[in-house]
């Protein structure tokens, strides 16, 4: 049995937290913009930090497992 939690959670978070895809923090004109499909360095850094923190939350603190 293989634990599929890590690749599934990482892939879903990566898709959802891509800057400009669903939302962008900080935006170019406002603190939060939705679906503008543009990005900047500050936004990439902030989304990377949020991505890392959510991975730590789901995989280390909550210790989620999905076996198949």
N, C-alpha and C. Protein backbone atom coordinates (compact mmCIF):
# COMPACT_ATOMS: atom_id res chain seq x y z
N UNK A 1 0.84 -1.18 0.00
CA UNK A 1 0.00 0.00 0.00
C UNK A 1 0.89 1.24 0.00
N UNK A 2 0.50 2.18 -0.81
CA UNK A 2 1.28 3.41 -0.93
C UNK A 2 0.46 4.58 -0.40
N UNK A 3 1.13 5.47 0.29
CA UNK A 3 0.48 6.66 0.83
C UNK A 3 0.44 7.75 -0.25
N UNK A 4 -0.75 8.11 -0.70
CA UNK A 4 -0.94 9.08 -1.78
C UNK A 4 -1.23 10.49 -1.26
N UNK A 5 -1.23 10.70 0.03
CA UNK A 5 -1.60 12.01 0.59
C UNK A 5 -0.62 13.11 0.15
N UNK A 6 0.66 12.86 0.25
CA UNK A 6 1.65 13.90 -0.06
C UNK A 6 1.57 14.36 -1.51
N UNK A 7 1.59 13.46 -2.51
CA UNK A 7 1.53 13.97 -3.88
C UNK A 7 0.19 14.62 -4.22
N UNK A 8 -0.91 14.09 -3.69
CA UNK A 8 -2.22 14.68 -3.99
C UNK A 8 -2.37 16.06 -3.36
N UNK A 9 -1.99 16.19 -2.11
CA UNK A 9 -2.10 17.49 -1.44
C UNK A 9 -1.15 18.50 -2.07
N UNK A 10 0.07 18.09 -2.35
CA UNK A 10 1.04 19.01 -2.96
C UNK A 10 0.58 19.47 -4.34
N UNK A 11 0.05 18.57 -5.13
CA UNK A 11 -0.43 18.93 -6.47
C UNK A 11 -1.63 19.87 -6.41
N UNK A 12 -2.57 19.57 -5.53
CA UNK A 12 -3.75 20.43 -5.41
C UNK A 12 -3.38 21.82 -4.91
N UNK A 13 -2.51 21.90 -3.91
CA UNK A 13 -2.09 23.21 -3.42
C UNK A 13 -1.31 23.98 -4.48
N UNK A 14 -0.45 23.28 -5.23
CA UNK A 14 0.32 23.94 -6.27
C UNK A 14 -0.60 24.54 -7.33
N UNK A 15 -1.62 23.79 -7.74
CA UNK A 15 -2.56 24.29 -8.74
C UNK A 15 -3.38 25.46 -8.20
N UNK A 16 -3.86 25.34 -6.97
CA UNK A 16 -4.71 26.38 -6.39
C UNK A 16 -3.92 27.64 -6.06
N UNK A 17 -2.67 27.49 -5.64
CA UNK A 17 -1.89 28.64 -5.19
C UNK A 17 -0.97 29.22 -6.27
N UNK A 18 -1.15 28.84 -7.52
CA UNK A 18 -0.37 29.48 -8.59
C UNK A 18 -0.78 30.94 -8.68
N UNK A 19 0.17 31.87 -8.55
CA UNK A 19 -0.19 33.30 -8.55
C UNK A 19 -0.91 33.70 -9.83
N UNK A 20 -2.04 34.35 -9.68
CA UNK A 20 -2.81 34.84 -10.80
C UNK A 20 -3.84 33.88 -11.33
N UNK A 21 -3.77 32.59 -10.96
CA UNK A 21 -4.73 31.63 -11.50
C UNK A 21 -6.09 31.81 -10.84
N UNK A 22 -6.18 31.63 -9.55
CA UNK A 22 -7.44 31.83 -8.83
C UNK A 22 -7.44 33.19 -8.13
N UNK A 23 -6.36 33.45 -7.40
CA UNK A 23 -6.22 34.75 -6.74
C UNK A 23 -4.75 35.12 -6.70
N UNK A 24 -4.48 36.39 -6.45
CA UNK A 24 -3.11 36.88 -6.35
C UNK A 24 -3.00 37.83 -5.18
N UNK A 25 -2.03 37.53 -4.29
CA UNK A 25 -1.75 38.39 -3.14
C UNK A 25 -0.26 38.71 -3.17
N UNK A 26 0.23 39.85 -3.10
CA UNK A 26 -0.46 41.11 -3.32
C UNK A 26 -0.68 41.34 -4.81
N UNK A 27 -1.77 41.99 -5.12
CA UNK A 27 -2.06 42.31 -6.50
C UNK A 27 -1.30 43.52 -6.97
N UNK A 28 -1.44 43.88 -8.22
CA UNK A 28 -0.73 45.05 -8.74
C UNK A 28 -1.38 46.35 -8.28
N UNK A 29 -2.71 46.37 -8.20
CA UNK A 29 -3.41 47.60 -7.82
C UNK A 29 -4.13 47.48 -6.49
N UNK A 30 -4.45 46.26 -6.07
CA UNK A 30 -5.17 46.03 -4.81
C UNK A 30 -4.44 44.95 -4.02
N UNK A 31 -4.71 44.84 -2.72
CA UNK A 31 -4.05 43.80 -1.93
C UNK A 31 -4.40 42.37 -2.38
N UNK A 32 -5.60 42.17 -2.93
CA UNK A 32 -6.04 40.85 -3.36
C UNK A 32 -6.79 40.99 -4.68
N UNK A 33 -6.34 40.28 -5.70
CA UNK A 33 -7.00 40.30 -7.00
C UNK A 33 -7.37 38.87 -7.38
N UNK A 34 -8.46 38.73 -8.12
CA UNK A 34 -8.93 37.41 -8.52
C UNK A 34 -8.82 37.22 -10.03
N UNK A 35 -8.26 36.09 -10.44
CA UNK A 35 -8.20 35.61 -11.82
C UNK A 35 -7.70 36.66 -12.80
N UNK A 36 -6.58 37.30 -12.50
CA UNK A 36 -6.04 38.30 -13.41
C UNK A 36 -4.99 37.72 -14.35
N UNK A 37 -4.51 36.49 -14.10
CA UNK A 37 -3.54 35.78 -14.93
C UNK A 37 -2.23 36.55 -15.12
N UNK A 38 -1.88 37.40 -14.17
CA UNK A 38 -0.60 38.12 -14.18
C UNK A 38 0.05 37.90 -12.82
N UNK A 39 1.35 38.06 -12.77
CA UNK A 39 2.05 37.86 -11.50
C UNK A 39 3.25 38.79 -11.39
N UNK A 40 3.81 38.84 -10.20
CA UNK A 40 5.03 39.61 -9.97
C UNK A 40 5.87 38.87 -8.93
N UNK A 41 7.07 39.35 -8.68
CA UNK A 41 8.00 38.66 -7.77
C UNK A 41 7.46 38.58 -6.35
N UNK A 42 6.88 39.67 -5.85
CA UNK A 42 6.34 39.67 -4.49
C UNK A 42 5.22 38.65 -4.35
N UNK A 43 4.38 38.55 -5.36
CA UNK A 43 3.29 37.59 -5.33
C UNK A 43 3.81 36.16 -5.36
N UNK A 44 4.83 35.89 -6.18
CA UNK A 44 5.41 34.54 -6.23
C UNK A 44 6.00 34.15 -4.88
N UNK A 45 6.70 35.07 -4.24
CA UNK A 45 7.29 34.79 -2.93
C UNK A 45 6.22 34.52 -1.88
N UNK A 46 5.19 35.36 -1.83
CA UNK A 46 4.13 35.18 -0.85
C UNK A 46 3.37 33.87 -1.06
N UNK A 47 3.07 33.53 -2.30
CA UNK A 47 2.38 32.28 -2.59
C UNK A 47 3.27 31.08 -2.24
N UNK A 48 4.58 31.18 -2.44
CA UNK A 48 5.50 30.10 -2.07
C UNK A 48 5.53 29.90 -0.56
N UNK A 49 5.52 30.99 0.20
CA UNK A 49 5.49 30.89 1.66
C UNK A 49 4.19 30.25 2.13
N UNK A 50 3.06 30.68 1.57
CA UNK A 50 1.76 30.09 1.94
C UNK A 50 1.74 28.61 1.57
N UNK A 51 2.26 28.25 0.39
CA UNK A 51 2.32 26.86 -0.06
C UNK A 51 3.12 26.01 0.94
N UNK A 52 4.28 26.49 1.33
CA UNK A 52 5.11 25.76 2.29
C UNK A 52 4.43 25.59 3.64
N UNK A 53 3.80 26.65 4.12
CA UNK A 53 3.11 26.57 5.41
C UNK A 53 1.94 25.61 5.37
N UNK A 54 1.18 25.60 4.27
CA UNK A 54 0.05 24.68 4.16
C UNK A 54 0.53 23.23 4.02
N UNK A 55 1.64 23.01 3.32
CA UNK A 55 2.20 21.65 3.25
C UNK A 55 2.62 21.17 4.63
N UNK A 56 3.27 22.03 5.39
CA UNK A 56 3.65 21.66 6.76
C UNK A 56 2.41 21.34 7.59
N UNK A 57 1.38 22.16 7.45
CA UNK A 57 0.14 21.92 8.21
C UNK A 57 -0.47 20.57 7.87
N UNK A 58 -0.66 20.29 6.58
CA UNK A 58 -1.35 19.06 6.18
C UNK A 58 -0.50 17.81 6.38
N UNK A 59 0.78 17.87 6.06
CA UNK A 59 1.59 16.65 6.06
C UNK A 59 2.30 16.37 7.38
N UNK A 60 2.65 17.40 8.13
CA UNK A 60 3.40 17.17 9.37
C UNK A 60 2.51 17.33 10.59
N UNK A 61 1.79 18.43 10.68
CA UNK A 61 0.99 18.68 11.89
C UNK A 61 -0.26 17.81 11.92
N UNK A 62 -1.04 17.80 10.82
CA UNK A 62 -2.27 17.00 10.79
C UNK A 62 -2.00 15.53 10.45
N UNK A 63 -0.84 15.24 9.83
CA UNK A 63 -0.42 13.87 9.52
C UNK A 63 -1.49 13.12 8.74
N UNK A 64 -1.89 13.68 7.60
CA UNK A 64 -2.92 13.11 6.76
C UNK A 64 -2.34 11.98 5.91
N UNK A 65 -3.08 10.86 5.79
CA UNK A 65 -2.67 9.71 4.98
C UNK A 65 -3.83 9.28 4.11
N UNK A 66 -3.52 8.94 2.85
CA UNK A 66 -4.51 8.37 1.93
C UNK A 66 -3.86 7.13 1.32
N UNK A 67 -4.37 5.97 1.66
CA UNK A 67 -3.79 4.72 1.17
C UNK A 67 -4.63 4.15 0.05
N UNK A 68 -3.94 3.66 -0.99
CA UNK A 68 -4.65 3.03 -2.11
C UNK A 68 -3.93 1.79 -2.55
